[in-house]
Amino acid sequence: MIRARRSTVGGLASLLALWAVGAAEAQPVEVSFVTSDSVTIHGTYYPVGNSPAPAVVLLHMLGKSRRDWSVFAESAAWSGFAVLAIDLRGHGQSTAMKSGSLSVKTMSPADFSAMTKDVEASVEWLRNRRDVDSGAIALVGASIGANVALTYGAGDTAIRAVVLLSPGEVYRGFALQPALREYVPRRLLAIAAEDDNYSLLTVRSVAREDHGKVDVQVYSDGGHGTYLLAARPELAGRVIEFLNTCMKLTRK
């Protein structure tokens, strides 16, 4: 297990180095598409200059939206990744479905379970783009988004890597351990802070599995989910470095 100390200067330097390599020329664009169960998912797509590019889908925390990923998404795009940040069903702008509307405040367990369909639609949207390498797609999720990412990734064997930012053993019906057993031996990065006890215990349980393909990053503090990205500027560079390594390995 890796324990990191605060290093704002080092983190900024790392990001600047990554930006120097990137070639993001296009501006982010607002997109939407429909899931297999007729929910309209809204997202922001960050295209890049290199084509076809590896791609990343970003999944937010409970009660939040894709806007929480804005800074990280720009960093990943500058590093050469096509990025799609979405509003999960019932969140942000993703509240319309064929039979009515959805709100996170009133969603049923079945509504939450269907969030994997949001990821499925996002991945398919990316795979149908000529500027995306359809064989090099990763998922990054925060809090419940982490559990949703791993659950979907377990069933889609073409997903190259998953990053879990403050996962939980169980979030709204999404259990981590069964999905983890199905997902490995593909590459996984699990991240938590010591002042976020539930996620810390979860990440430690992931580390104990010792599958050989699981990387763990524990910070002394920084909070939960995407708040950890803001508290730890070096974290974005750590995640992007991990994704770059995974994509290089899959292309050998």
Protein backbone atom coordinates (compact mmCIF):
# COMPACT_ATOMS: atom_id res chain seq x y z
CA MET A 1 0.00 0.00 0.00
CA ILE A 2 1.27 3.49 -0.84
CA ARG A 3 0.77 6.34 1.59
CA ALA A 4 1.27 9.81 0.16
CA ARG A 5 2.06 13.09 1.89
CA ARG A 6 0.79 16.46 0.74
CA SER A 7 2.91 17.94 -2.04
CA THR A 8 1.05 20.71 -3.84
CA VAL A 9 4.10 21.99 -5.68
CA GLY A 10 5.05 18.53 -6.87
CA GLY A 11 1.49 17.85 -7.97
CA LEU A 12 1.28 21.05 -9.99
CA ALA A 13 4.63 20.31 -11.60
CA SER A 14 3.41 16.84 -12.53
CA LEU A 15 0.28 18.23 -14.14
CA LEU A 16 2.24 20.86 -16.05
CA ALA A 17 4.47 18.12 -17.41
CA LEU A 18 1.42 16.17 -18.55
CA TRP A 19 -0.14 19.26 -20.17
CA ALA A 20 3.07 19.87 -22.11
CA VAL A 21 2.66 16.49 -23.76
CA GLY A 22 -1.03 16.89 -24.54
CA ALA A 23 -2.56 18.16 -27.74
CA ALA A 24 -6.13 19.08 -26.87
CA GLU A 25 -7.21 21.54 -29.55
CA ALA A 26 -11.00 21.20 -29.62
CA GLN A 27 -13.33 22.70 -27.04
CA PRO A 28 -15.55 20.45 -24.88
CA VAL A 29 -19.03 19.90 -26.30
CA GLU A 30 -22.36 19.06 -24.68
CA VAL A 31 -23.76 15.70 -25.84
CA SER A 32 -26.71 13.43 -25.11
CA PHE A 33 -27.74 9.87 -25.94
CA VAL A 34 -30.40 7.38 -24.86
CA THR A 35 -29.92 4.25 -22.76
CA SER A 36 -31.41 0.86 -23.55
CA ASP A 37 -34.23 1.60 -21.08
CA SER A 38 -35.00 5.02 -22.64
CA VAL A 39 -33.28 7.40 -20.21
CA THR A 40 -31.65 10.42 -21.86
CA ILE A 41 -28.10 10.81 -20.56
CA HIS A 42 -26.39 14.20 -20.81
CA GLY A 43 -22.65 14.58 -20.84
CA THR A 44 -19.68 16.73 -21.71
CA TYR A 45 -17.23 15.37 -24.26
CA TYR A 46 -13.61 16.52 -24.36
CA PRO A 47 -12.12 15.57 -27.76
CA VAL A 48 -8.39 15.58 -28.37
CA GLY A 49 -6.07 16.20 -31.30
CA ASN A 50 -4.56 12.72 -31.50
CA SER A 51 -6.88 10.27 -33.23
CA PRO A 52 -7.94 7.59 -32.57
CA ALA A 53 -7.38 8.30 -28.88
CA PRO A 54 -7.83 6.21 -25.74
CA ALA A 55 -10.93 7.30 -23.84
CA VAL A 56 -12.17 7.68 -20.28
CA VAL A 57 -15.73 7.78 -18.89
CA LEU A 58 -16.13 9.79 -15.65
CA LEU A 59 -18.86 8.93 -13.11
CA HIS A 60 -19.72 11.33 -10.28
CA MET A 61 -20.80 10.99 -6.64
CA LEU A 62 -24.32 10.57 -5.30
CA GLY A 63 -26.30 13.79 -5.60
CA LYS A 64 -23.60 15.47 -7.69
CA SER A 65 -23.03 15.95 -11.41
CA ARG A 66 -20.50 15.75 -14.22
CA ARG A 67 -19.40 19.32 -13.45
CA ASP A 68 -17.40 18.01 -10.49
CA TRP A 69 -14.98 16.43 -12.98
CA SER A 70 -14.29 19.58 -15.03
CA VAL A 71 -10.71 20.24 -13.90
CA PHE A 72 -9.68 16.59 -14.05
CA ALA A 73 -11.36 16.13 -17.44
CA GLU A 74 -9.38 19.01 -18.91
CA SER A 75 -6.14 17.56 -17.50
CA ALA A 76 -6.89 14.12 -18.94
CA ALA A 77 -7.75 15.64 -22.33
CA TRP A 78 -4.49 17.58 -22.39
CA SER A 79 -2.75 14.28 -21.67
CA GLY A 80 -4.21 12.68 -24.80
CA PHE A 81 -7.41 11.04 -23.54
CA ALA A 82 -10.81 11.61 -25.09
CA VAL A 83 -13.00 12.20 -22.02
CA LEU A 84 -16.73 11.76 -21.51
CA ALA A 85 -18.16 13.01 -18.21
CA ILE A 86 -21.84 12.15 -17.74
CA ASP A 87 -24.70 12.94 -15.41
CA LEU A 88 -25.93 9.60 -14.09
CA ARG A 89 -29.70 9.06 -14.24
CA GLY A 90 -31.63 11.18 -11.78
CA HIS A 91 -28.73 13.64 -11.53
CA GLY A 92 -27.92 16.94 -13.24
CA GLN A 93 -29.58 17.07 -16.64
CA SER A 94 -30.18 13.30 -16.91
CA THR A 95 -33.71 13.30 -15.54
CA ALA A 96 -35.87 12.54 -18.61
CA MET A 97 -37.05 9.10 -19.65
CA LYS A 98 -39.69 7.86 -22.05
CA SER A 99 -42.21 7.14 -19.30
CA GLY A 100 -41.65 10.31 -17.24
CA SER A 101 -38.83 11.76 -15.17
CA LEU A 102 -36.25 10.64 -12.61
CA SER A 103 -34.90 12.34 -9.50
CA VAL A 104 -32.18 11.00 -7.24
CA LYS A 105 -34.35 11.97 -4.26
CA THR A 106 -37.08 9.52 -5.24
CA MET A 107 -35.22 6.80 -7.11
CA SER A 108 -35.96 3.18 -6.21
CA PRO A 109 -33.36 0.42 -5.72
CA ALA A 110 -34.19 -0.74 -9.26
CA ASP A 111 -33.54 2.78 -10.58
CA PHE A 112 -30.11 2.80 -8.95
CA SER A 113 -29.34 -0.70 -10.22
CA ALA A 114 -30.03 0.49 -13.78
CA MET A 115 -27.18 3.03 -13.58
CA THR A 116 -24.99 0.45 -15.28
CA LYS A 117 -27.10 1.09 -18.38
CA ASP A 118 -25.90 4.71 -18.27
CA VAL A 119 -22.31 3.47 -18.42
CA GLU A 120 -23.18 0.98 -21.16
CA ALA A 121 -24.67 3.76 -23.30
CA SER A 122 -21.64 5.99 -22.64
CA VAL A 123 -19.17 3.31 -23.65
CA GLU A 124 -21.14 2.47 -26.79
CA TRP A 125 -21.30 6.15 -27.70
CA LEU A 126 -17.52 6.34 -27.47
CA ARG A 127 -16.98 3.10 -29.37
CA ASN A 128 -18.97 4.47 -32.28
CA ARG A 129 -16.73 7.51 -32.65
CA ARG A 130 -13.94 7.51 -35.23
CA ASP A 131 -11.74 9.69 -33.02
CA VAL A 132 -11.77 7.08 -30.20
CA ASP A 133 -9.78 3.85 -29.96
CA SER A 134 -12.66 1.47 -29.22
CA GLY A 135 -10.29 -1.04 -27.66
CA ALA A 136 -8.81 1.42 -25.17
CA ILE A 137 -11.59 2.67 -22.89
CA ALA A 138 -11.29 3.11 -19.12
CA LEU A 139 -13.73 4.07 -16.36
CA VAL A 140 -13.09 6.46 -13.46
CA GLY A 141 -15.73 6.77 -10.73
CA ALA A 142 -16.10 8.59 -7.42
CA SER A 143 -18.06 7.22 -4.44
CA ILE A 144 -21.17 5.49 -5.83
CA GLY A 145 -19.74 6.23 -9.28
CA ALA A 146 -16.75 4.06 -8.34
CA ASN A 147 -18.96 1.10 -7.47
CA VAL A 148 -21.03 1.58 -10.62
CA ALA A 149 -17.84 1.73 -12.70
CA LEU A 150 -16.48 -1.54 -11.30
CA THR A 151 -19.85 -3.28 -11.58
CA TYR A 152 -20.13 -2.36 -15.25
CA GLY A 153 -16.46 -3.06 -15.93
CA ALA A 154 -16.80 -6.55 -14.45
CA GLY A 155 -19.31 -7.44 -17.14
CA ASP A 156 -17.65 -5.69 -20.09
CA THR A 157 -14.37 -7.48 -20.63
CA ALA A 158 -13.26 -4.90 -23.21
CA ILE A 159 -12.88 -2.22 -20.52
CA ARG A 160 -9.13 -1.78 -20.13
CA ALA A 161 -8.86 -0.20 -16.67
CA VAL A 162 -10.96 1.12 -13.79
CA VAL A 163 -10.11 3.77 -11.19
CA LEU A 164 -12.05 3.78 -7.91
CA LEU A 165 -12.01 7.10 -6.05
CA SER A 166 -13.43 6.55 -2.54
CA PRO A 167 -15.38 3.35 -3.22
CA GLY A 168 -17.58 1.63 -0.61
CA GLU A 169 -18.14 -2.02 0.17
CA VAL A 170 -21.78 -1.41 -0.79
CA TYR A 171 -23.36 1.76 -2.24
CA ARG A 172 -27.08 1.72 -3.04
CA GLY A 173 -26.98 -1.99 -3.85
CA PHE A 174 -23.66 -1.97 -5.73
CA ALA A 175 -21.44 -4.45 -3.86
CA LEU A 176 -17.73 -4.10 -4.49
CA GLN A 177 -16.30 -7.54 -3.75
CA PRO A 178 -18.39 -9.62 -6.20
CA ALA A 179 -17.62 -7.13 -8.96
CA LEU A 180 -13.93 -7.15 -8.03
CA ARG A 181 -13.73 -10.93 -8.34
CA GLU A 182 -15.26 -10.77 -11.81
CA TYR A 183 -13.15 -7.81 -12.95
CA VAL A 184 -9.62 -9.02 -12.14
CA PRO A 185 -7.01 -9.72 -13.47
CA ARG A 186 -7.47 -6.48 -15.38
CA ARG A 187 -5.80 -3.36 -13.94
CA LEU A 188 -7.45 -1.45 -11.10
CA LEU A 189 -6.48 1.62 -9.04
CA ALA A 190 -8.29 2.14 -5.71
CA ILE A 191 -7.87 5.45 -3.85
CA ALA A 192 -8.99 6.72 -0.44
CA ALA A 193 -8.00 9.12 2.34
CA GLU A 194 -7.49 8.24 5.99
CA ASP A 195 -10.08 10.84 7.04
CA ASP A 196 -12.74 8.99 4.98
CA ASN A 197 -13.09 5.88 7.13
CA TYR A 198 -15.65 3.85 5.17
CA SER A 199 -13.78 4.23 1.90
CA LEU A 200 -10.45 3.66 3.66
CA LEU A 201 -11.65 0.33 5.05
CA THR A 202 -13.01 -0.60 1.62
CA VAL A 203 -9.75 0.18 -0.15
CA ARG A 204 -7.81 -1.77 2.46
CA SER A 205 -10.07 -4.75 1.81
CA VAL A 206 -9.30 -4.41 -1.89
CA ALA A 207 -5.58 -4.36 -1.09
CA ARG A 208 -5.89 -7.56 0.95
CA GLU A 209 -7.19 -9.38 -2.10
CA ASP A 210 -3.66 -9.00 -3.57
CA HIS A 211 -4.58 -9.98 -7.12
CA GLY A 212 -1.34 -8.52 -8.44
CA LYS A 213 -3.21 -6.18 -10.76
CA VAL A 214 -4.64 -3.91 -8.06
CA ASP A 215 -2.85 -0.65 -7.23
CA VAL A 216 -3.80 1.16 -4.01
CA GLN A 217 -3.21 4.80 -3.10
CA VAL A 218 -3.97 6.05 0.42
CA TYR A 219 -3.61 9.70 1.40
CA SER A 220 -3.36 10.94 4.98
CA ASP A 221 -6.27 13.33 4.40
CA GLY A 222 -8.31 14.93 1.65
CA GLY A 223 -11.90 13.81 2.14
CA HIS A 224 -14.26 11.84 -0.03
CA GLY A 225 -14.69 11.33 -3.77
CA THR A 226 -13.98 14.24 -6.08
CA TYR A 227 -13.27 16.45 -3.04
CA LEU A 228 -10.07 14.45 -2.78
CA LEU A 229 -9.06 15.63 -6.25
CA ALA A 230 -9.39 19.25 -5.11
CA ALA A 231 -7.55 18.65 -1.84
CA ARG A 232 -4.74 16.70 -3.49
CA PRO A 233 -3.60 18.39 -6.71
CA GLU A 234 -1.08 15.62 -7.32
CA LEU A 235 -3.83 13.00 -7.50
CA ALA A 236 -4.90 13.91 -11.04
CA GLY A 237 -1.39 13.22 -12.29
CA ARG A 238 -1.33 9.91 -10.41
CA VAL A 239 -4.57 8.75 -12.04
CA ILE A 240 -3.51 9.86 -15.51
CA GLU A 241 -0.14 8.16 -15.14
CA PHE A 242 -1.93 4.92 -14.16
CA LEU A 243 -4.26 5.15 -17.16
CA ASN A 244 -1.35 5.83 -19.51
CA THR A 245 0.45 2.74 -18.20
CA CYS A 246 -2.65 0.59 -18.66
CA MET A 247 -3.21 1.74 -22.24
CA LYS A 248 0.45 1.12 -23.15
CA LEU A 249 0.27 -2.37 -21.71
CA THR A 250 -2.83 -3.26 -23.70
CA ARG A 251 -1.18 -2.17 -26.95
CA LYS A 252 1.83 -4.46 -26.66
